[in-house]
PDB file of N, CA and C in Angstrom:
ATOM      1  N   MET A   1     116.002  99.394  97.338  1.00  0.00           N
ATOM      2  CA  MET A   1     114.653  99.146  96.874  1.00  0.00           C
ATOM      3  C   MET A   1     114.733  98.252  95.649  1.00  0.00           C
ATOM      4  N   SER A   2     113.822  97.309  95.588  1.00  0.00           N
ATOM      5  CA  SER A   2     113.826  96.404  94.441  1.00  0.00           C
ATOM      6  C   SER A   2     113.025  97.002  93.279  1.00  0.00           C
ATOM      7  N   LYS A   3     113.292  96.492  92.102  1.00  0.00           N
ATOM      8  CA  LYS A   3     112.599  96.947  90.903  1.00  0.00           C
ATOM      9  C   LYS A   3     111.103  96.651  91.003  1.00  0.00           C
ATOM     10  N   ASP A   4     110.754  95.496  91.553  1.00  0.00           N
ATOM     11  CA  ASP A   4     109.347  95.118  91.683  1.00  0.00           C
ATOM     12  C   ASP A   4     108.588  96.046  92.618  1.00  0.00           C
ATOM     13  N   ARG A   5     109.259  96.492  93.665  1.00  0.00           N
ATOM     14  CA  ARG A   5     108.601  97.396  94.617  1.00  0.00           C
ATOM     15  C   ARG A   5     108.320  98.745  93.968  1.00  0.00           C
ATOM     16  N   LEU A   6     109.267  99.268  93.194  1.00  0.00           N
ATOM     17  CA  LEU A   6     109.061 100.538  92.508  1.00  0.00           C
ATOM     18  C   LEU A   6     107.964 100.419  91.453  1.00  0.00           C
ATOM     19  N   LEU A   7     107.938  99.316  90.732  1.00  0.00           N
ATOM     20  CA  LEU A   7     106.877  99.103  89.739  1.00  0.00           C
ATOM     21  C   LEU A   7     105.508  98.962  90.404  1.00  0.00           C
ATOM     22  N   SER A   8     105.453  98.322  91.548  1.00  0.00           N
ATOM     23  CA  SER A   8     104.180  98.190  92.269  1.00  0.00           C
ATOM     24  C   SER A   8     103.670  99.544  92.730  1.00  0.00           C
ATOM     25  N   PHE A   9     104.570 100.393  93.212  1.00  0.00           N
ATOM     26  CA  PHE A   9     104.182 101.746  93.616  1.00  0.00           C
ATOM     27  C   PHE A   9     103.622 102.512  92.426  1.00  0.00           C
ATOM     28  N   THR A  10     104.304 102.433  91.289  1.00  0.00           N
ATOM     29  CA  THR A  10     103.844 103.133  90.092  1.00  0.00           C
ATOM     30  C   THR A  10     102.510 102.576  89.612  1.00  0.00           C
ATOM     31  N   ASP A  11     102.350 101.262  89.648  1.00  0.00           N
ATOM     32  CA  ASP A  11     101.076 100.656  89.263  1.00  0.00           C
ATOM     33  C   ASP A  11      99.942 101.156  90.147  1.00  0.00           C
ATOM     34  N   GLY A  12     100.214 101.300  91.433  1.00  0.00           N
ATOM     35  CA  GLY A  12      99.203 101.817  92.355  1.00  0.00           C
ATOM     36  C   GLY A  12      98.815 103.245  92.025  1.00  0.00           C
ATOM     37  N   CYS A  13      99.804 104.071  91.683  1.00  0.00           N
ATOM     38  CA  CYS A  13      99.516 105.458  91.306  1.00  0.00           C
ATOM     39  C   CYS A  13      98.677 105.524  90.030  1.00  0.00           C
ATOM     40  N   VAL A  14      99.023 104.709  89.052  1.00  0.00           N
ATOM     41  CA  VAL A  14      98.248 104.678  87.801  1.00  0.00           C
ATOM     42  C   VAL A  14      96.819 104.214  88.077  1.00  0.00           C
ATOM     43  N   THR A  15      96.660 103.224  88.916  1.00  0.00           N
ATOM     44  CA  THR A  15      95.329 102.714  89.245  1.00  0.00           C
ATOM     45  C   THR A  15      94.488 103.774  89.935  1.00  0.00           C
ATOM     46  N   ILE A  16      95.067 104.482  90.880  1.00  0.00           N
ATOM     47  CA  ILE A  16      94.336 105.546  91.574  1.00  0.00           C
ATOM     48  C   ILE A  16      93.951 106.651  90.601  1.00  0.00           C
ATOM     49  N   PHE A  17      94.851 107.023  89.705  1.00  0.00           N
ATOM     50  CA  PHE A  17      94.562 108.065  88.736  1.00  0.00           C
ATOM     51  C   PHE A  17      93.408 107.664  87.822  1.00  0.00           C
ATOM     52  N   LEU A  18      93.412 106.424  87.327  1.00  0.00           N
ATOM     53  CA  LEU A  18      92.330 105.965  86.460  1.00  0.00           C
ATOM     54  C   LEU A  18      91.007 105.897  87.223  1.00  0.00           C
ATOM     55  N   THR A  19      91.050 105.533  88.488  1.00  0.00           N
ATOM     56  CA  THR A  19      89.828 105.496  89.297  1.00  0.00           C
ATOM     57  C   THR A  19      89.264 106.894  89.475  1.00  0.00           C
ATOM     58  N   ILE A  20      90.114 107.866  89.728  1.00  0.00           N
ATOM     59  CA  ILE A  20      89.639 109.247  89.876  1.00  0.00           C
ATOM     60  C   ILE A  20      89.038 109.745  88.566  1.00  0.00           C
ATOM     61  N   MET A  21      89.610 109.339  87.436  1.00  0.00           N
ATOM     62  CA  MET A  21      89.039 109.734  86.150  1.00  0.00           C
ATOM     63  C   MET A  21      87.627 109.183  85.978  1.00  0.00           C
ATOM     64  N   VAL A  22      87.383 107.958  86.418  1.00  0.00           N
ATOM     65  CA  VAL A  22      86.060 107.346  86.276  1.00  0.00           C
ATOM     66  C   VAL A  22      85.046 108.047  87.186  1.00  0.00           C
ATOM     67  N   LEU A  23      85.488 108.520  88.338  1.00  0.00           N
ATOM     68  CA  LEU A  23      84.577 109.175  89.270  1.00  0.00           C
ATOM     69  C   LEU A  23      84.034 110.492  88.731  1.00  0.00           C
ATOM     70  N   ASN A  24      84.640 111.035  87.686  1.00  0.00           N
ATOM     71  CA  ASN A  24      84.153 112.278  87.091  1.00  0.00           C
ATOM     72  C   ASN A  24      82.955 112.079  86.172  1.00  0.00           C
ATOM     73  N   PHE A  25      82.569 110.847  85.911  1.00  0.00           N
ATOM     74  CA  PHE A  25      81.396 110.605  85.078  1.00  0.00           C
ATOM     75  C   PHE A  25      80.141 111.063  85.797  1.00  0.00           C
ATOM     76  N   ALA A  26      79.272 111.761  85.075  1.00  0.00           N
ATOM     77  CA  ALA A  26      77.996 112.187  85.630  1.00  0.00           C
ATOM     78  C   ALA A  26      76.922 111.174  85.241  1.00  0.00           C
ATOM     79  N   THR A  27      75.880 111.111  86.029  1.00  0.00           N
ATOM     80  CA  THR A  27      74.765 110.227  85.688  1.00  0.00           C
ATOM     81  C   THR A  27      73.817 110.979  84.766  1.00  0.00           C
ATOM     82  N   PRO A  28      73.190 110.284  83.812  1.00  0.00           N
ATOM     83  CA  PRO A  28      72.266 110.960  82.895  1.00  0.00           C
ATOM     84  C   PRO A  28      71.004 111.412  83.632  1.00  0.00           C
ATOM     85  N   GLU A  29      70.364 112.427  83.068  1.00  0.00           N
ATOM     86  CA  GLU A  29      69.176 113.006  83.699  1.00  0.00           C
ATOM     87  C   GLU A  29      67.941 112.112  83.574  1.00  0.00           C
ATOM     88  N   GLY A  30      67.731 111.507  82.418  1.00  0.00           N
ATOM     89  CA  GLY A  30      66.509 110.741  82.179  1.00  0.00           C
ATOM     90  C   GLY A  30      66.698 109.250  82.397  1.00  0.00           C
ATOM     91  N   ASN A  31      65.680 108.503  81.974  1.00  0.00           N
ATOM     92  CA  ASN A  31      65.684 107.052  82.141  1.00  0.00           C
ATOM     93  C   ASN A  31      65.827 106.289  80.836  1.00  0.00           C
ATOM     94  N   SER A  32      65.861 106.983  79.716  1.00  0.00           N
ATOM     95  CA  SER A  32      65.909 106.281  78.439  1.00  0.00           C
ATOM     96  C   SER A  32      67.352 106.160  77.944  1.00  0.00           C
ATOM     97  N   LEU A  33      67.520 105.305  76.951  1.00  0.00           N
ATOM     98  CA  LEU A  33      68.830 105.090  76.355  1.00  0.00           C
ATOM     99  C   LEU A  33      69.330 106.347  75.643  1.00  0.00           C
ATOM    100  N   TRP A  34      68.416 107.154  75.118  1.00  0.00           N
ATOM    101  CA  TRP A  34      68.781 108.375  74.393  1.00  0.00           C
ATOM    102  C   TRP A  34      69.382 109.429  75.321  1.00  0.00           C
ATOM    103  N   ASP A  35      69.114 109.326  76.596  1.00  0.00           N
ATOM    104  CA  ASP A  35      69.688 110.280  77.554  1.00  0.00           C
ATOM    105  C   ASP A  35      71.191 110.093  77.732  1.00  0.00           C
ATOM    106  N   LEU A  36      71.710 108.965  77.283  1.00  0.00           N
ATOM    107  CA  LEU A  36      73.150 108.720  77.372  1.00  0.00           C
ATOM    108  C   LEU A  36      73.943 109.488  76.312  1.00  0.00           C
ATOM    109  N   GLN A  37      73.249 110.051  75.315  1.00  0.00           N
ATOM    110  CA  GLN A  37      73.932 110.770  74.239  1.00  0.00           C
ATOM    111  C   GLN A  37      74.742 111.946  74.754  1.00  0.00           C
ATOM    112  N   GLU A  38      74.273 112.589  75.798  1.00  0.00           N
ATOM    113  CA  GLU A  38      75.009 113.742  76.314  1.00  0.00           C
ATOM    114  C   GLU A  38      76.328 113.344  76.966  1.00  0.00           C
ATOM    115  N   LEU A  39      76.491 112.050  77.295  1.00  0.00           N
ATOM    116  CA  LEU A  39      77.721 111.574  77.914  1.00  0.00           C
ATOM    117  C   LEU A  39      78.742 111.058  76.900  1.00  0.00           C
ATOM    118  N   ILE A  40      78.377 111.033  75.633  1.00  0.00           N
ATOM    119  CA  ILE A  40      79.277 110.494  74.611  1.00  0.00           C
ATOM    120  C   ILE A  40      80.606 111.260  74.551  1.00  0.00           C
ATOM    121  N   PRO A  41      80.626 112.606  74.545  1.00  0.00           N
ATOM    122  CA  PRO A  41      81.925 113.300  74.531  1.00  0.00           C
ATOM    123  C   PRO A  41      82.790 112.973  75.753  1.00  0.00           C
ATOM    124  N   THR A  42      82.174 112.856  76.907  1.00  0.00           N
ATOM    125  CA  THR A  42      82.917 112.508  78.120  1.00  0.00           C
ATOM    126  C   THR A  42      83.477 111.103  78.015  1.00  0.00           C
ATOM    127  N   PHE A  43      82.687 110.174  77.497  1.00  0.00           N
ATOM    128  CA  PHE A  43      83.134 108.795  77.359  1.00  0.00           C
ATOM    129  C   PHE A  43      84.277 108.686  76.348  1.00  0.00           C
ATOM    130  N   ILE A  44      84.188 109.423  75.246  1.00  0.00           N
ATOM    131  CA  ILE A  44      85.258 109.400  74.243  1.00  0.00           C
ATOM    132  C   ILE A  44      86.546 109.983  74.833  1.00  0.00           C
ATOM    133  N   THR A  45      86.412 111.084  75.564  1.00  0.00           N
ATOM    134  CA  THR A  45      87.578 111.697  76.202  1.00  0.00           C
ATOM    135  C   THR A  45      88.217 110.736  77.197  1.00  0.00           C
ATOM    136  N   TYR A  46      87.397 110.067  78.002  1.00  0.00           N
ATOM    137  CA  TYR A  46      87.922 109.104  78.965  1.00  0.00           C
ATOM    138  C   TYR A  46      88.633 107.958  78.248  1.00  0.00           C
ATOM    139  N   THR A  47      88.034 107.448  77.183  1.00  0.00           N
ATOM    140  CA  THR A  47      88.620 106.326  76.447  1.00  0.00           C
ATOM    141  C   THR A  47      89.977 106.709  75.851  1.00  0.00           C
ATOM    142  N   LEU A  48      90.059 107.885  75.244  1.00  0.00           N
ATOM    143  CA  LEU A  48      91.335 108.320  74.681  1.00  0.00           C
ATOM    144  C   LEU A  48      92.380 108.534  75.771  1.00  0.00           C
ATOM    145  N   SER A  49      91.983 109.130  76.885  1.00  0.00           N
ATOM    146  CA  SER A  49      92.911 109.339  77.999  1.00  0.00           C
ATOM    147  C   SER A  49      93.389 108.009  78.561  1.00  0.00           C
ATOM    148  N   PHE A  50      92.479 107.052  78.678  1.00  0.00           N
ATOM    149  CA  PHE A  50      92.832 105.731  79.178  1.00  0.00           C
ATOM    150  C   PHE A  50      93.849 105.060  78.258  1.00  0.00           C
ATOM    151  N   MET A  51      93.640 105.184  76.947  1.00  0.00           N
ATOM    152  CA  MET A  51      94.553 104.556  76.001  1.00  0.00           C
ATOM    153  C   MET A  51      95.939 105.194  76.063  1.00  0.00           C
ATOM    154  N   VAL A  52      96.010 106.520  76.201  1.00  0.00           N
ATOM    155  CA  VAL A  52      97.305 107.194  76.299  1.00  0.00           C
ATOM    156  C   VAL A  52      98.032 106.753  77.571  1.00  0.00           C
ATOM    157  N   ILE A  53      97.310 106.718  78.695  1.00  0.00           N
ATOM    158  CA  ILE A  53      97.920 106.283  79.952  1.00  0.00           C
ATOM    159  C   ILE A  53      98.361 104.824  79.858  1.00  0.00           C
ATOM    160  N   ALA A  54      97.566 103.987  79.206  1.00  0.00           N
ATOM    161  CA  ALA A  54      97.929 102.578  79.052  1.00  0.00           C
ATOM    162  C   ALA A  54      99.204 102.428  78.218  1.00  0.00           C
ATOM    163  N   ILE A  55      99.358 103.242  77.194  1.00  0.00           N
ATOM    164  CA  ILE A  55     100.569 103.189  76.371  1.00  0.00           C
ATOM    165  C   ILE A  55     101.785 103.611  77.196  1.00  0.00           C
ATOM    166  N   TYR A  56     101.652 104.727  77.936  1.00  0.00           N
ATOM    167  CA  TYR A  56     102.751 105.170  78.805  1.00  0.00           C
ATOM    168  C   TYR A  56     103.091 104.113  79.840  1.00  0.00           C
ATOM    169  N   TRP A  57     102.074 103.513  80.433  1.00  0.00           N
ATOM    170  CA  TRP A  57     102.279 102.499  81.472  1.00  0.00           C
ATOM    171  C   TRP A  57     102.987 101.270  80.899  1.00  0.00           C
ATOM    172  N   GLY A  58     102.546 100.836  79.717  1.00  0.00           N
ATOM    173  CA  GLY A  58     103.198  99.691  79.075  1.00  0.00           C
ATOM    174  C   GLY A  58     104.648  99.978  78.729  1.00  0.00           C
ATOM    175  N   ASN A  59     104.914 101.183  78.193  1.00  0.00           N
ATOM    176  CA  ASN A  59     106.297 101.563  77.886  1.00  0.00           C
ATOM    177  C   ASN A  59     107.140 101.648  79.152  1.00  0.00           C
ATOM    178  N   HIS A  60     106.534 102.105  80.224  1.00  0.00           N
ATOM    179  CA  HIS A  60     107.231 102.186  81.503  1.00  0.00           C
ATOM    180  C   HIS A  60     107.678 100.800  81.963  1.00  0.00           C
ATOM    181  N   HIS A  61     106.786  99.814  81.835  1.00  0.00           N
ATOM    182  CA  HIS A  61     107.144  98.449  82.223  1.00  0.00           C
ATOM    183  C   HIS A  61     108.221  97.863  81.307  1.00  0.00           C
ATOM    184  N   HIS A  62     108.124  98.144  80.022  1.00  0.00           N
ATOM    185  CA  HIS A  62     109.164  97.660  79.100  1.00  0.00           C
ATOM    186  C   HIS A  62     110.517  98.295  79.407  1.00  0.00           C
ATOM    187  N   MET A  63     110.502  99.589  79.760  1.00  0.00           N
ATOM    188  CA  MET A  63     111.751 100.263  80.100  1.00  0.00           C
ATOM    189  C   MET A  63     112.362  99.651  81.360  1.00  0.00           C
ATOM    190  N   PHE A  64     111.522  99.345  82.360  1.00  0.00           N
ATOM    191  CA  PHE A  64     112.050  98.789  83.600  1.00  0.00           C
ATOM    192  C   PHE A  64     112.480  97.333  83.446  1.00  0.00           C
ATOM    193  N   ALA A  65     112.115  96.697  82.358  1.00  0.00           N
ATOM    194  CA  ALA A  65     112.607  95.340  82.113  1.00  0.00           C
ATOM    195  C   ALA A  65     114.104  95.359  81.831  1.00  0.00           C
ATOM    196  N   THR A  66     114.616  96.504  81.381  1.00  0.00           N
ATOM    197  CA  THR A  66     116.042  96.608  81.090  1.00  0.00           C
ATOM    198  C   THR A  66     116.863  97.110  82.282  1.00  0.00           C
ATOM    199  N   VAL A  67     116.195  97.606  83.310  1.00  0.00           N
ATOM    200  CA  VAL A  67     116.889  98.157  84.481  1.00  0.00           C
ATOM    201  C   VAL A  67     117.415  97.020  85.350  1.00  0.00           C
ATOM    202  N   LYS A  68     118.668  97.132  85.763  1.00  0.00           N
ATOM    203  CA  LYS A  68     119.255  96.098  86.616  1.00  0.00           C
ATOM    204  C   LYS A  68     119.318  96.528  88.068  1.00  0.00           C
ATOM    205  N   ASN A  69     119.666  97.796  88.318  1.00  0.00           N
ATOM    206  CA  ASN A  69     119.789  98.303  89.679  1.00  0.00           C
ATOM    207  C   ASN A  69     118.938  99.556  89.836  1.00  0.00           C
ATOM    208  N   ILE A  70     118.351  99.711  91.006  1.00  0.00           N
ATOM    209  CA  ILE A  70     117.566 100.898  91.318  1.00  0.00           C
ATOM    210  C   ILE A  70     118.410 101.791  92.228  1.00  0.00           C
ATOM    211  N   ASN A  71     118.557 103.051  91.822  1.00  0.00           N
ATOM    212  CA  ASN A  71     119.265 104.008  92.662  1.00  0.00           C
ATOM    213  C   ASN A  71     118.388 105.247  92.838  1.00  0.00           C
ATOM    214  N   GLY A  72     118.916 106.244  93.520  1.00  0.00           N
ATOM    215  CA  GLY A  72     118.145 107.447  93.793  1.00  0.00           C
ATOM    216  C   GLY A  72     117.710 108.187  92.544  1.00  0.00           C
ATOM    217  N   ALA A  73     118.573 108.232  91.543  1.00  0.00           N
ATOM    218  CA  ALA A  73     118.232 108.929  90.301  1.00  0.00           C
ATOM    219  C   ALA A  73     117.048 108.263  89.602  1.00  0.00           C
ATOM    220  N   ILE A  74     116.997 106.951  89.608  1.00  0.00           N
ATOM    221  CA  ILE A  74     115.883 106.244  88.977  1.00  0.00           C
ATOM    222  C   ILE A  74     114.600 106.464  89.767  1.00  0.00           C
ATOM    223  N   ILE A  75     114.691 106.469  91.083  1.00  0.00           N
ATOM    224  CA  ILE A  75     113.499 106.703  91.906  1.00  0.00           C
ATOM    225  C   ILE A  75     112.949 108.105  91.643  1.00  0.00           C
ATOM    226  N   TRP A  76     113.810 109.127  91.626  1.00  0.00           N
ATOM    227  CA  TRP A  76     113.345 110.480  91.388  1.00  0.00           C
ATOM    228  C   TRP A  76     112.815 110.655  89.967  1.00  0.00           C
ATOM    229  N   THR A  77     113.445 110.014  89.008  1.00  0.00           N
ATOM    230  CA  THR A  77     112.946 110.076  87.634  1.00  0.00           C
ATOM    231  C   THR A  77     111.567 109.438  87.538  1.00  0.00           C
ATOM    232  N   ASN A  78     111.373 108.337  88.231  1.00  0.00           N
ATOM    233  CA  ASN A  78     110.074 107.679  88.237  1.00  0.00           C
ATOM    234  C   ASN A  78     109.011 108.572  88.884  1.00  0.00           C
ATOM    235  N   LEU A  79     109.367 109.230  89.983  1.00  0.00           N
ATOM    236  CA  LEU A  79     108.423 110.137  90.640  1.00  0.00           C
ATOM    237  C   LEU A  79     108.072 111.325  89.748  1.00  0.00           C
ATOM    238  N   LEU A  80     109.058 111.854  89.022  1.00  0.00           N
ATOM    239  CA  LEU A  80     108.781 112.944  88.087  1.00  0.00           C
ATOM    240  C   LEU A  80     107.914 112.468  86.928  1.00  0.00           C
ATOM    241  N   TRP A  81     108.117 111.232  86.491  1.00  0.00           N
ATOM    242  CA  TRP A  81     107.258 110.653  85.438  1.00  0.00           C
ATOM    243  C   TRP A  81     105.822 110.592  85.917  1.00  0.00           C
ATOM    244  N   ILE A  82     105.621 110.157  87.144  1.00  0.00           N
ATOM    245  CA  ILE A  82     104.271 110.096  87.713  1.00  0.00           C
ATOM    246  C   ILE A  82     103.675 111.506  87.797  1.00  0.00           C
ATOM    247  N   LEU A  83     104.470 112.467  88.234  1.00  0.00           N
ATOM    248  CA  LEU A  83     103.989 113.851  88.396  1.00  0.00           C
ATOM    249  C   LEU A  83     103.581 114.474  87.070  1.00  0.00           C
ATOM    250  N   PHE A  84     104.422 114.349  86.052  1.00  0.00           N
ATOM    251  CA  PHE A  84     104.178 115.071  84.812  1.00  0.00           C
ATOM    252  C   PHE A  84     103.313 114.329  83.803  1.00  0.00           C
ATOM    253  N   TYR A  85     103.351 113.018  83.792  1.00  0.00           N
ATOM    254  CA  TYR A  85     102.585 112.281  82.786  1.00  0.00           C
ATOM    255  C   TYR A  85     101.240 111.793  83.295  1.00  0.00           C
ATOM    256  N   LEU A  86     101.057 111.719  84.582  1.00  0.00           N
ATOM    257  CA  LEU A  86      99.783 111.245  85.100  1.00  0.00           C
ATOM    258  C   LEU A  86      99.009 112.383  85.762  1.00  0.00           C
ATOM    259  N   ARG A  87      98.925 113.499  85.092  1.00  0.00           N
ATOM    260  CA  ARG A  87      98.166 114.595  85.663  1.00  0.00           C
ATOM    261  C   ARG A  87      96.878 114.793  84.951  1.00  0.00           C
TER     262      ARG A  87
END
């Protein structure tokens, strides 16, 4: 397996996870701008979660820039990273 293929798989997992996070947003009850106030805590939580995932994702790409060969141990480590850090 090539390094690019493993990174593409991980990018796809991160993208799906971020999409599922966005789907948890609820629509406001009213029609005015003030009705959005109840969504502020959810939006802040999403923004902070997005930033943490973006930092992990960026570090993941920087780490794989140093990898020369992909073996089974790297594949399993990558899968465990996806399991534990993208939950």
